[in-house]
Amino acid sequence: MRLSCTVLMSMITISASARAEVVSYTARSTWEAIVSGFSTISFLGFPDGTPIADQYAAQGLHFLGFNQIFGPTIGYQNDLWGLFGPNGVRFTFDNPQNWIAVDYPGAVAFRLYHDGELMYSSPFFQPGGLGNFAGLVSDTPFDEVYILKPIPSQTSIFIDDLHWGSAVPAPAGLTLLLFTAVHLRRRRS
C-alpha cells in the first residue's frame, strides 16, 4: 500500500509542474458549453472607487495590488459596474481552478500560475470596443491569474465580470490510478 501511495504522489507532482495545455475562447456560448459550471463576480454592491483585496475571500478569491471597483460607466456592458486595475489585475484562488473568463472593454492577456510558477501566457485578446469576452480552459489547474494590458498605449485593465471554475477528475484518470494501485498490489502478493 505504501508503494502505491508513493506512485500516486509522484503522479500528482509531475502533473502539477507540467506546462498547461490551454484552449482560448472569444464566444461566451462556446466557453459555457465546454465548462461544467462556474462562479461569477459582477463587482456590484460597493461604492464607486472602492479598493478591493479580500472582499471575495468567502468565494476563495483574493485580489493583489491596487484595484478599484468603478461604475457606472458605459464600458461595463453587463451592469455598468466593473473592476479597474491601473497595472493589470492579479488574484489568487484558495483552491486550484481550470477555467477563467472575463467580460471586458479594451484588450486583455492572461498569465496563469501554479505555486508561483508561470504555466501559461496567452496571446492578447483583440480590442474591439465594448462587450468583449475572453475565456481560457486549462488541462492543468492554476491558483493565480494575472490579467495584463497587452497594448502599451492601453492605460489600464477593465473587467466587467469575472468567471472561474474547476474540473472534477476525469474518469479516465481515475481508471489509470486504480489500475496502477491494483497492479502494484498484485505484484506485492
N, C-alpha and C. Protein backbone atom coordinates (compact mmCIF):
# COMPACT_ATOMS: atom_id res chain seq x y z
N MET A 1 0.82 -1.19 0.00
CA MET A 1 0.00 0.00 0.00
C MET A 1 0.87 1.26 0.00
N ARG A 2 1.97 1.22 0.76
CA ARG A 2 2.85 2.38 0.82
C ARG A 2 3.41 2.73 -0.55
N LEU A 3 3.77 1.73 -1.33
CA LEU A 3 4.32 1.95 -2.67
C LEU A 3 3.31 2.62 -3.58
N SER A 4 2.04 2.18 -3.54
CA SER A 4 1.03 2.79 -4.40
C SER A 4 0.78 4.24 -4.04
N CYS A 5 0.86 4.59 -2.76
CA CYS A 5 0.71 6.00 -2.36
C CYS A 5 1.87 6.83 -2.88
N THR A 6 3.07 6.26 -2.88
CA THR A 6 4.24 6.97 -3.40
C THR A 6 4.08 7.23 -4.89
N VAL A 7 3.61 6.21 -5.63
CA VAL A 7 3.39 6.39 -7.06
C VAL A 7 2.35 7.45 -7.31
N LEU A 8 1.25 7.44 -6.55
CA LEU A 8 0.20 8.43 -6.69
C LEU A 8 0.74 9.84 -6.44
N MET A 9 1.51 10.02 -5.38
CA MET A 9 2.07 11.34 -5.08
C MET A 9 3.02 11.79 -6.19
N SER A 10 3.80 10.88 -6.76
CA SER A 10 4.69 11.24 -7.86
C SER A 10 3.90 11.70 -9.07
N MET A 11 2.79 11.02 -9.35
CA MET A 11 1.97 11.40 -10.49
C MET A 11 1.37 12.79 -10.29
N ILE A 12 0.95 13.07 -9.07
CA ILE A 12 0.37 14.39 -8.79
C ILE A 12 1.44 15.46 -8.93
N THR A 13 2.63 15.22 -8.41
CA THR A 13 3.71 16.20 -8.51
C THR A 13 4.10 16.46 -9.96
N ILE A 14 4.18 15.41 -10.75
CA ILE A 14 4.55 15.58 -12.17
C ILE A 14 3.50 16.40 -12.89
N SER A 15 2.22 16.10 -12.68
CA SER A 15 1.18 16.82 -13.41
C SER A 15 1.09 18.28 -12.97
N ALA A 16 1.37 18.57 -11.70
CA ALA A 16 1.27 19.95 -11.22
C ALA A 16 2.37 20.83 -11.79
N SER A 17 3.55 20.26 -12.07
CA SER A 17 4.64 21.08 -12.57
C SER A 17 4.70 21.13 -14.10
N ALA A 18 3.82 20.39 -14.76
CA ALA A 18 3.81 20.37 -16.22
C ALA A 18 3.28 21.69 -16.78
N ARG A 19 3.70 21.99 -17.97
CA ARG A 19 3.19 23.17 -18.66
C ARG A 19 1.77 22.90 -19.10
N ALA A 20 0.91 23.88 -18.96
CA ALA A 20 -0.51 23.70 -19.23
C ALA A 20 -0.83 23.73 -20.72
N GLU A 21 -1.78 22.90 -21.11
CA GLU A 21 -2.39 22.97 -22.43
C GLU A 21 -3.66 23.80 -22.24
N VAL A 22 -3.77 24.91 -22.93
CA VAL A 22 -4.88 25.84 -22.71
C VAL A 22 -5.57 26.13 -24.04
N VAL A 23 -6.89 26.13 -24.01
CA VAL A 23 -7.69 26.49 -25.17
C VAL A 23 -8.39 27.81 -24.85
N SER A 24 -8.34 28.74 -25.79
CA SER A 24 -8.96 30.05 -25.57
C SER A 24 -10.25 30.18 -26.36
N TYR A 25 -11.15 31.01 -25.85
CA TYR A 25 -12.46 31.22 -26.46
C TYR A 25 -12.79 32.71 -26.46
N THR A 26 -13.42 33.16 -27.53
CA THR A 26 -13.90 34.54 -27.59
C THR A 26 -15.42 34.60 -27.66
N ALA A 27 -16.06 33.44 -27.71
CA ALA A 27 -17.53 33.38 -27.71
C ALA A 27 -17.98 32.79 -26.38
N ARG A 28 -18.74 33.55 -25.64
CA ARG A 28 -19.21 33.12 -24.33
C ARG A 28 -19.98 31.80 -24.41
N SER A 29 -20.86 31.66 -25.41
CA SER A 29 -21.68 30.45 -25.52
C SER A 29 -20.82 29.20 -25.71
N THR A 30 -19.74 29.30 -26.47
CA THR A 30 -18.87 28.15 -26.69
C THR A 30 -18.12 27.81 -25.40
N TRP A 31 -17.58 28.82 -24.71
CA TRP A 31 -16.89 28.59 -23.44
C TRP A 31 -17.82 27.95 -22.43
N GLU A 32 -19.04 28.49 -22.29
CA GLU A 32 -20.00 27.94 -21.33
C GLU A 32 -20.38 26.50 -21.66
N ALA A 33 -20.40 26.14 -22.94
CA ALA A 33 -20.73 24.77 -23.33
C ALA A 33 -19.60 23.79 -22.96
N ILE A 34 -18.37 24.29 -22.86
CA ILE A 34 -17.21 23.45 -22.56
C ILE A 34 -17.05 23.23 -21.06
N VAL A 35 -17.24 24.27 -20.25
CA VAL A 35 -17.02 24.17 -18.81
C VAL A 35 -18.23 23.53 -18.14
N SER A 36 -18.01 22.91 -16.99
CA SER A 36 -19.10 22.21 -16.31
C SER A 36 -19.71 23.02 -15.17
N GLY A 37 -19.57 24.29 -15.22
CA GLY A 37 -20.09 25.17 -14.18
C GLY A 37 -19.05 26.21 -13.82
N PHE A 38 -19.52 27.34 -13.33
CA PHE A 38 -18.58 28.40 -12.98
C PHE A 38 -19.21 29.37 -11.99
N SER A 39 -18.35 30.12 -11.32
CA SER A 39 -18.76 31.19 -10.41
C SER A 39 -18.53 32.51 -11.14
N THR A 40 -19.30 33.53 -10.75
CA THR A 40 -19.18 34.85 -11.39
C THR A 40 -19.16 35.94 -10.33
N ILE A 41 -18.33 36.95 -10.57
CA ILE A 41 -18.33 38.18 -9.78
C ILE A 41 -18.67 39.31 -10.72
N SER A 42 -19.65 40.12 -10.33
CA SER A 42 -20.06 41.28 -11.14
C SER A 42 -19.58 42.60 -10.57
N PHE A 43 -18.91 42.56 -9.40
CA PHE A 43 -18.36 43.75 -8.76
C PHE A 43 -19.45 44.76 -8.40
N LEU A 44 -20.59 44.27 -7.99
CA LEU A 44 -21.69 45.13 -7.56
C LEU A 44 -21.73 45.20 -6.03
N GLY A 45 -22.37 46.25 -5.52
CA GLY A 45 -22.61 46.34 -4.08
C GLY A 45 -21.58 47.13 -3.30
N PHE A 46 -20.65 47.76 -3.98
CA PHE A 46 -19.64 48.59 -3.31
C PHE A 46 -19.71 50.00 -3.89
N PRO A 47 -19.36 51.00 -3.08
CA PRO A 47 -19.33 52.37 -3.62
C PRO A 47 -18.28 52.53 -4.72
N ASP A 48 -18.53 53.43 -5.63
CA ASP A 48 -17.61 53.77 -6.71
C ASP A 48 -16.23 54.06 -6.12
N GLY A 49 -15.18 53.45 -6.69
CA GLY A 49 -13.80 53.70 -6.26
C GLY A 49 -13.34 52.84 -5.10
N THR A 50 -14.13 51.87 -4.66
CA THR A 50 -13.74 51.02 -3.53
C THR A 50 -12.52 50.17 -3.90
N PRO A 51 -11.43 50.26 -3.12
CA PRO A 51 -10.30 49.36 -3.36
C PRO A 51 -10.70 47.95 -2.92
N ILE A 52 -10.32 46.95 -3.69
CA ILE A 52 -10.67 45.59 -3.28
C ILE A 52 -9.43 44.75 -3.04
N ALA A 53 -9.56 43.81 -2.13
CA ALA A 53 -8.50 42.86 -1.80
C ALA A 53 -9.14 41.53 -1.43
N ASP A 54 -9.76 41.48 -0.25
CA ASP A 54 -10.33 40.23 0.23
C ASP A 54 -11.85 40.27 0.36
N GLN A 55 -12.52 41.18 -0.34
CA GLN A 55 -13.98 41.24 -0.29
C GLN A 55 -14.63 39.95 -0.81
N TYR A 56 -13.91 39.18 -1.62
CA TYR A 56 -14.45 37.95 -2.18
C TYR A 56 -13.76 36.71 -1.60
N ALA A 57 -13.17 36.86 -0.43
CA ALA A 57 -12.46 35.75 0.23
C ALA A 57 -13.39 34.58 0.52
N ALA A 58 -14.64 34.85 0.82
CA ALA A 58 -15.60 33.77 1.08
C ALA A 58 -15.80 32.87 -0.15
N GLN A 59 -15.51 33.42 -1.32
CA GLN A 59 -15.59 32.64 -2.57
C GLN A 59 -14.23 32.06 -2.95
N GLY A 60 -13.24 32.20 -2.07
CA GLY A 60 -11.91 31.65 -2.33
C GLY A 60 -11.06 32.46 -3.26
N LEU A 61 -11.32 33.76 -3.36
CA LEU A 61 -10.65 34.64 -4.31
C LEU A 61 -10.05 35.83 -3.57
N HIS A 62 -8.77 36.12 -3.83
CA HIS A 62 -8.06 37.21 -3.16
C HIS A 62 -7.35 38.07 -4.21
N PHE A 63 -7.67 39.34 -4.25
CA PHE A 63 -7.05 40.26 -5.21
C PHE A 63 -5.78 40.84 -4.63
N LEU A 64 -4.76 41.00 -5.48
CA LEU A 64 -3.46 41.53 -5.09
C LEU A 64 -3.26 42.87 -5.76
N GLY A 65 -2.51 43.74 -5.14
CA GLY A 65 -2.20 45.02 -5.76
C GLY A 65 -3.29 46.06 -5.56
N PHE A 66 -3.29 47.06 -6.41
CA PHE A 66 -4.20 48.20 -6.28
C PHE A 66 -5.26 48.13 -7.37
N ASN A 67 -6.40 47.59 -7.03
CA ASN A 67 -7.53 47.50 -7.95
C ASN A 67 -8.70 48.24 -7.33
N GLN A 68 -9.54 48.82 -8.16
CA GLN A 68 -10.70 49.54 -7.65
C GLN A 68 -11.94 49.17 -8.44
N ILE A 69 -13.06 49.18 -7.74
CA ILE A 69 -14.34 48.97 -8.40
C ILE A 69 -14.84 50.33 -8.87
N PHE A 70 -15.22 50.39 -10.14
CA PHE A 70 -15.73 51.63 -10.70
C PHE A 70 -17.06 51.41 -11.40
N GLY A 71 -17.88 52.41 -11.40
CA GLY A 71 -19.15 52.39 -12.10
C GLY A 71 -19.88 53.65 -11.74
N PRO A 72 -20.94 53.99 -12.32
CA PRO A 72 -21.41 53.37 -13.56
C PRO A 72 -20.71 53.99 -14.77
N THR A 73 -20.40 53.16 -15.72
CA THR A 73 -19.80 53.62 -16.96
C THR A 73 -20.27 52.72 -18.10
N ILE A 74 -20.39 53.27 -19.26
CA ILE A 74 -20.88 52.54 -20.42
C ILE A 74 -19.94 51.42 -20.84
N GLY A 75 -18.65 51.50 -20.45
CA GLY A 75 -17.69 50.47 -20.81
C GLY A 75 -18.03 49.11 -20.24
N TYR A 76 -18.73 49.09 -19.12
CA TYR A 76 -19.15 47.84 -18.49
C TYR A 76 -20.55 47.51 -18.97
N GLN A 77 -20.63 46.75 -20.06
CA GLN A 77 -21.89 46.49 -20.75
C GLN A 77 -22.90 45.66 -19.96
N ASN A 78 -22.45 44.75 -19.11
CA ASN A 78 -23.37 43.84 -18.43
C ASN A 78 -24.24 44.54 -17.39
N ASP A 79 -23.62 45.40 -16.58
CA ASP A 79 -24.37 46.03 -15.50
C ASP A 79 -23.87 47.44 -15.14
N LEU A 80 -23.00 47.97 -15.97
CA LEU A 80 -22.42 49.32 -15.82
C LEU A 80 -21.44 49.44 -14.66
N TRP A 81 -21.07 48.32 -13.99
CA TRP A 81 -20.08 48.34 -12.92
C TRP A 81 -18.98 47.35 -13.25
N GLY A 82 -17.75 47.66 -12.84
CA GLY A 82 -16.65 46.75 -13.11
C GLY A 82 -15.42 47.07 -12.31
N LEU A 83 -14.37 46.33 -12.57
CA LEU A 83 -13.10 46.46 -11.86
C LEU A 83 -12.08 47.15 -12.75
N PHE A 84 -11.32 48.05 -12.15
CA PHE A 84 -10.29 48.83 -12.83
C PHE A 84 -8.95 48.49 -12.19
N GLY A 85 -7.97 48.11 -12.99
CA GLY A 85 -6.62 47.85 -12.49
C GLY A 85 -5.61 48.63 -13.29
N PRO A 86 -4.99 49.67 -12.71
CA PRO A 86 -4.07 50.50 -13.48
C PRO A 86 -2.84 49.75 -14.01
N ASN A 87 -2.41 48.71 -13.30
CA ASN A 87 -1.25 47.92 -13.75
C ASN A 87 -1.63 46.47 -14.04
N GLY A 88 -2.87 46.26 -14.38
CA GLY A 88 -3.37 44.91 -14.56
C GLY A 88 -4.13 44.48 -13.31
N VAL A 89 -4.68 43.29 -13.36
CA VAL A 89 -5.43 42.74 -12.23
C VAL A 89 -4.83 41.37 -11.92
N ARG A 90 -4.45 41.19 -10.65
CA ARG A 90 -3.82 39.92 -10.23
C ARG A 90 -4.59 39.38 -9.04
N PHE A 91 -4.84 38.06 -9.04
CA PHE A 91 -5.57 37.47 -7.93
C PHE A 91 -5.18 36.01 -7.76
N THR A 92 -5.44 35.49 -6.56
CA THR A 92 -5.15 34.10 -6.24
C THR A 92 -6.43 33.40 -5.83
N PHE A 93 -6.41 32.07 -5.94
CA PHE A 93 -7.52 31.23 -5.51
C PHE A 93 -7.08 30.36 -4.35
N ASP A 94 -7.99 30.10 -3.41
CA ASP A 94 -7.69 29.17 -2.33
C ASP A 94 -7.52 27.75 -2.87
N ASN A 95 -8.31 27.40 -3.88
CA ASN A 95 -8.26 26.07 -4.50
C ASN A 95 -7.95 26.23 -5.98
N PRO A 96 -7.12 25.36 -6.54
CA PRO A 96 -6.78 25.46 -7.97
C PRO A 96 -8.02 25.40 -8.87
N GLN A 97 -7.94 26.10 -9.98
CA GLN A 97 -9.04 26.22 -10.95
C GLN A 97 -8.57 25.73 -12.31
N ASN A 98 -9.54 25.44 -13.19
CA ASN A 98 -9.20 25.00 -14.55
C ASN A 98 -9.68 25.95 -15.63
N TRP A 99 -10.59 26.88 -15.30
CA TRP A 99 -11.03 27.82 -16.31
C TRP A 99 -11.24 29.20 -15.71
N ILE A 100 -11.06 30.17 -16.58
CA ILE A 100 -11.17 31.58 -16.21
C ILE A 100 -11.71 32.33 -17.42
N ALA A 101 -12.53 33.34 -17.18
CA ALA A 101 -13.05 34.16 -18.28
C ALA A 101 -13.40 35.54 -17.76
N VAL A 102 -13.38 36.51 -18.66
CA VAL A 102 -13.77 37.88 -18.32
C VAL A 102 -14.60 38.48 -19.45
N ASP A 103 -15.51 39.35 -19.06
CA ASP A 103 -16.17 40.27 -19.99
C ASP A 103 -15.40 41.57 -19.82
N TYR A 104 -15.03 42.20 -20.91
CA TYR A 104 -14.14 43.36 -20.79
C TYR A 104 -14.31 44.32 -21.96
N PRO A 105 -14.06 45.60 -21.73
CA PRO A 105 -13.86 46.55 -22.82
C PRO A 105 -12.35 46.69 -23.04
N GLY A 106 -11.91 46.92 -24.24
CA GLY A 106 -10.48 47.09 -24.49
C GLY A 106 -9.83 45.82 -24.94
N ALA A 107 -8.66 45.49 -24.37
CA ALA A 107 -7.91 44.27 -24.71
C ALA A 107 -7.35 43.68 -23.43
N VAL A 108 -7.14 42.35 -23.42
CA VAL A 108 -6.57 41.68 -22.25
C VAL A 108 -5.65 40.56 -22.69
N ALA A 109 -4.77 40.17 -21.79
CA ALA A 109 -3.95 38.97 -21.94
C ALA A 109 -3.88 38.33 -20.56
N PHE A 110 -3.65 37.02 -20.50
CA PHE A 110 -3.64 36.29 -19.24
C PHE A 110 -2.28 35.63 -19.01
N ARG A 111 -1.91 35.54 -17.74
CA ARG A 111 -0.82 34.67 -17.31
C ARG A 111 -1.38 33.80 -16.19
N LEU A 112 -1.20 32.49 -16.33
CA LEU A 112 -1.68 31.54 -15.34
C LEU A 112 -0.49 30.96 -14.58
N TYR A 113 -0.61 30.84 -13.27
CA TYR A 113 0.46 30.35 -12.40
C TYR A 113 -0.03 29.20 -11.53
N HIS A 114 0.89 28.34 -11.15
CA HIS A 114 0.63 27.32 -10.14
C HIS A 114 1.81 27.31 -9.19
N ASP A 115 1.53 27.50 -7.91
CA ASP A 115 2.58 27.58 -6.88
C ASP A 115 3.69 28.57 -7.25
N GLY A 116 3.31 29.71 -7.81
CA GLY A 116 4.26 30.75 -8.16
C GLY A 116 4.98 30.56 -9.48
N GLU A 117 4.76 29.42 -10.14
CA GLU A 117 5.43 29.13 -11.41
C GLU A 117 4.51 29.46 -12.58
N LEU A 118 5.01 30.23 -13.53
CA LEU A 118 4.23 30.56 -14.73
C LEU A 118 3.99 29.29 -15.53
N MET A 119 2.70 28.99 -15.79
CA MET A 119 2.30 27.81 -16.55
C MET A 119 1.92 28.15 -17.98
N TYR A 120 1.35 29.35 -18.15
CA TYR A 120 0.81 29.70 -19.46
C TYR A 120 0.73 31.22 -19.58
N SER A 121 1.08 31.70 -20.75
CA SER A 121 0.95 33.12 -21.08
C SER A 121 0.18 33.20 -22.40
N SER A 122 -0.96 33.87 -22.38
CA SER A 122 -1.82 33.90 -23.57
C SER A 122 -1.38 34.99 -24.54
N PRO A 123 -1.73 34.79 -25.80
CA PRO A 123 -1.64 35.93 -26.71
C PRO A 123 -2.73 36.92 -26.29
N PHE A 124 -2.66 38.14 -26.78
CA PHE A 124 -3.68 39.08 -26.32
C PHE A 124 -4.99 38.88 -27.06
N PHE A 125 -6.06 39.13 -26.32
CA PHE A 125 -7.39 39.07 -26.89
C PHE A 125 -7.68 40.43 -27.47
N GLN A 126 -8.10 40.45 -28.70
CA GLN A 126 -8.26 41.66 -29.50
C GLN A 126 -9.12 42.73 -28.82
N PRO A 127 -8.68 43.96 -28.98
CA PRO A 127 -9.57 45.04 -28.58
C PRO A 127 -10.66 45.15 -29.64
N GLY A 128 -11.80 45.55 -29.25
CA GLY A 128 -12.86 45.67 -30.23
C GLY A 128 -14.00 46.50 -29.71
N GLY A 129 -13.71 47.38 -28.79
CA GLY A 129 -14.78 48.20 -28.25
C GLY A 129 -15.41 47.55 -27.04
N LEU A 130 -16.72 47.67 -26.94
CA LEU A 130 -17.43 47.23 -25.75
C LEU A 130 -17.93 45.80 -25.89
N GLY A 131 -18.12 45.14 -24.74
CA GLY A 131 -18.75 43.84 -24.73
C GLY A 131 -17.91 42.68 -25.20
N ASN A 132 -16.60 42.72 -25.02
CA ASN A 132 -15.73 41.62 -25.42
C ASN A 132 -15.77 40.50 -24.38
N PHE A 133 -15.46 39.27 -24.82
CA PHE A 133 -15.38 38.11 -23.93
C PHE A 133 -14.07 37.38 -24.21
N ALA A 134 -13.39 36.95 -23.16
CA ALA A 134 -12.18 36.13 -23.29
C ALA A 134 -12.24 35.04 -22.24
N GLY A 135 -12.10 33.79 -22.68
CA GLY A 135 -12.14 32.67 -21.76
C GLY A 135 -11.04 31.67 -22.05
N LEU A 136 -10.53 31.04 -20.99
CA LEU A 136 -9.49 30.02 -21.11
C LEU A 136 -9.94 28.76 -20.38
N VAL A 137 -9.58 27.60 -20.93
CA VAL A 137 -9.79 26.32 -20.27
C VAL A 137 -8.44 25.61 -20.27
N SER A 138 -7.96 25.26 -19.07
CA SER A 138 -6.64 24.66 -18.91
C SER A 138 -6.77 23.21 -18.45
N ASP A 139 -5.92 22.34 -18.99
CA ASP A 139 -5.92 20.95 -18.54
C ASP A 139 -5.17 20.78 -17.23
N THR A 140 -4.38 21.79 -16.85
CA THR A 140 -3.63 21.77 -15.61
C THR A 140 -4.16 22.88 -14.71
N PRO A 141 -4.52 22.57 -13.47
CA PRO A 141 -5.07 23.60 -12.58
C PRO A 141 -4.06 24.73 -12.29
N PHE A 142 -4.59 25.91 -12.08
CA PHE A 142 -3.79 27.08 -11.73
C PHE A 142 -4.37 27.68 -10.46
N ASP A 143 -3.54 28.42 -9.70
CA ASP A 143 -4.01 29.03 -8.47
C ASP A 143 -3.79 30.55 -8.42
N GLU A 144 -3.26 31.09 -9.50
CA GLU A 144 -3.05 32.54 -9.58
C GLU A 144 -3.23 32.98 -11.03
N VAL A 145 -3.83 34.16 -11.20
CA VAL A 145 -4.07 34.71 -12.54
C VAL A 145 -3.62 36.17 -12.54
N TYR A 146 -2.94 36.55 -13.60
CA TYR A 146 -2.58 37.95 -13.82
C TYR A 146 -3.17 38.34 -15.16
N ILE A 147 -4.09 39.29 -15.15
CA ILE A 147 -4.68 39.82 -16.38
C ILE A 147 -4.00 41.15 -16.64
N LEU A 148 -3.30 41.23 -17.77
CA LEU A 148 -2.50 42.41 -18.03
C LEU A 148 -2.92 43.11 -19.30
N LYS A 149 -2.46 44.32 -19.42
CA LYS A 149 -2.74 45.10 -20.62
C LYS A 149 -1.69 44.76 -21.67
N PRO A 150 -2.13 44.20 -22.80
CA PRO A 150 -1.18 43.74 -23.80
C PRO A 150 -0.72 44.83 -24.76
N ILE A 151 -1.40 45.96 -24.75
CA ILE A 151 -1.06 47.04 -25.68
C ILE A 151 -0.45 48.19 -24.87
N PRO A 152 0.80 48.57 -25.16
CA PRO A 152 1.46 49.61 -24.35
C PRO A 152 0.66 50.90 -24.21
N SER A 153 -0.09 51.28 -25.23
CA SER A 153 -0.84 52.53 -25.15
C SER A 153 -2.12 52.41 -24.31
N GLN A 154 -2.50 51.18 -23.97
CA GLN A 154 -3.70 50.98 -23.14
C GLN A 154 -3.37 51.43 -21.72
N THR A 155 -4.20 52.26 -21.15
CA THR A 155 -3.88 52.85 -19.85
C THR A 155 -4.10 51.90 -18.68
N SER A 156 -5.08 51.01 -18.75
CA SER A 156 -5.42 50.15 -17.63
C SER A 156 -6.18 48.92 -18.11
N ILE A 157 -6.45 48.02 -17.18
CA ILE A 157 -7.31 46.87 -17.44
C ILE A 157 -8.67 47.15 -16.83
N PHE A 158 -9.70 46.84 -17.58
CA PHE A 158 -11.07 46.99 -17.11
C PHE A 158 -11.76 45.64 -17.25
N ILE A 159 -12.37 45.17 -16.18
CA ILE A 159 -13.08 43.90 -16.20
C ILE A 159 -14.52 44.15 -15.78
N ASP A 160 -15.44 43.77 -16.64
CA ASP A 160 -16.87 43.91 -16.34
C ASP A 160 -17.28 42.80 -15.37
N ASP A 161 -17.19 41.55 -15.78
CA ASP A 161 -17.50 40.40 -14.93
C ASP A 161 -16.35 39.41 -15.02
N LEU A 162 -16.14 38.67 -13.93
CA LEU A 162 -15.09 37.66 -13.84
C LEU A 162 -15.77 36.31 -13.59
N HIS A 163 -15.36 35.27 -14.35
CA HIS A 163 -15.93 33.93 -14.23
C HIS A 163 -14.79 32.93 -14.03
N TRP A 164 -14.99 31.89 -13.19
CA TRP A 164 -13.97 30.87 -12.98
C TRP A 164 -14.61 29.57 -12.50
N GLY A 165 -13.82 28.50 -12.59
CA GLY A 165 -14.29 27.21 -12.11
C GLY A 165 -13.21 26.15 -12.20
N SER A 166 -13.53 24.97 -11.67
CA SER A 166 -12.56 23.88 -11.68
C SER A 166 -13.22 22.59 -12.16
N ALA A 167 -12.39 21.71 -12.63
CA ALA A 167 -12.86 20.43 -13.16
C ALA A 167 -12.80 19.36 -12.08
N VAL A 168 -13.65 18.36 -12.21
CA VAL A 168 -13.55 17.17 -11.37
C VAL A 168 -12.62 16.20 -12.09
N PRO A 169 -11.97 15.30 -11.37
CA PRO A 169 -11.06 14.37 -12.06
C PRO A 169 -11.78 13.60 -13.16
N ALA A 170 -11.12 13.47 -14.29
CA ALA A 170 -11.70 12.75 -15.42
C ALA A 170 -11.78 11.26 -15.12
N PRO A 171 -12.83 10.58 -15.55
CA PRO A 171 -12.94 9.14 -15.31
C PRO A 171 -11.75 8.35 -15.82
N ALA A 172 -11.18 8.73 -16.95
CA ALA A 172 -10.01 8.03 -17.49
C ALA A 172 -8.83 8.14 -16.54
N GLY A 173 -8.63 9.30 -15.95
CA GLY A 173 -7.54 9.49 -15.00
C GLY A 173 -7.74 8.66 -13.74
N LEU A 174 -8.97 8.58 -13.26
CA LEU A 174 -9.26 7.75 -12.10
C LEU A 174 -9.03 6.28 -12.41
N THR A 175 -9.41 5.86 -13.60
CA THR A 175 -9.20 4.47 -14.01
C THR A 175 -7.71 4.14 -14.02
N LEU A 176 -6.90 5.03 -14.55
CA LEU A 176 -5.45 4.82 -14.58
C LEU A 176 -4.89 4.68 -13.16
N LEU A 177 -5.33 5.56 -12.25
CA LEU A 177 -4.84 5.49 -10.87
C LEU A 177 -5.26 4.18 -10.21
N LEU A 178 -6.50 3.75 -10.42
CA LEU A 178 -6.96 2.49 -9.84
C LEU A 178 -6.20 1.31 -10.42
N PHE A 179 -5.98 1.33 -11.74
CA PHE A 179 -5.23 0.26 -12.39
C PHE A 179 -3.82 0.17 -11.81
N THR A 180 -3.17 1.28 -11.62
CA THR A 180 -1.81 1.30 -11.06
C THR A 180 -1.80 0.73 -9.65
N ALA A 181 -2.75 1.15 -8.83
CA ALA A 181 -2.81 0.66 -7.44
C ALA A 181 -3.06 -0.85 -7.40
N VAL A 182 -3.99 -1.35 -8.24
CA VAL A 182 -4.29 -2.79 -8.28
C VAL A 182 -3.07 -3.56 -8.78
N HIS A 183 -2.42 -3.06 -9.82
CA HIS A 183 -1.24 -3.72 -10.39
C HIS A 183 -0.13 -3.81 -9.35
N LEU A 184 0.14 -2.74 -8.62
CA LEU A 184 1.19 -2.76 -7.59
C LEU A 184 0.82 -3.72 -6.47
N ARG A 185 -0.45 -3.77 -6.13
CA ARG A 185 -0.88 -4.67 -5.05
C ARG A 185 -0.68 -6.13 -5.48
N ARG A 186 -1.01 -6.45 -6.75
CA ARG A 186 -0.81 -7.81 -7.26
C ARG A 186 0.66 -8.18 -7.27
N ARG A 187 1.52 -7.24 -7.61
CA ARG A 187 2.96 -7.52 -7.65
C ARG A 187 3.49 -7.82 -6.26
N ARG A 188 2.91 -7.16 -5.24
CA ARG A 188 3.34 -7.41 -3.86
C ARG A 188 2.95 -8.80 -3.39
N SER A 189 1.82 -9.30 -3.87
CA SER A 189 1.30 -10.61 -3.43
C SER A 189 2.09 -11.76 -3.91
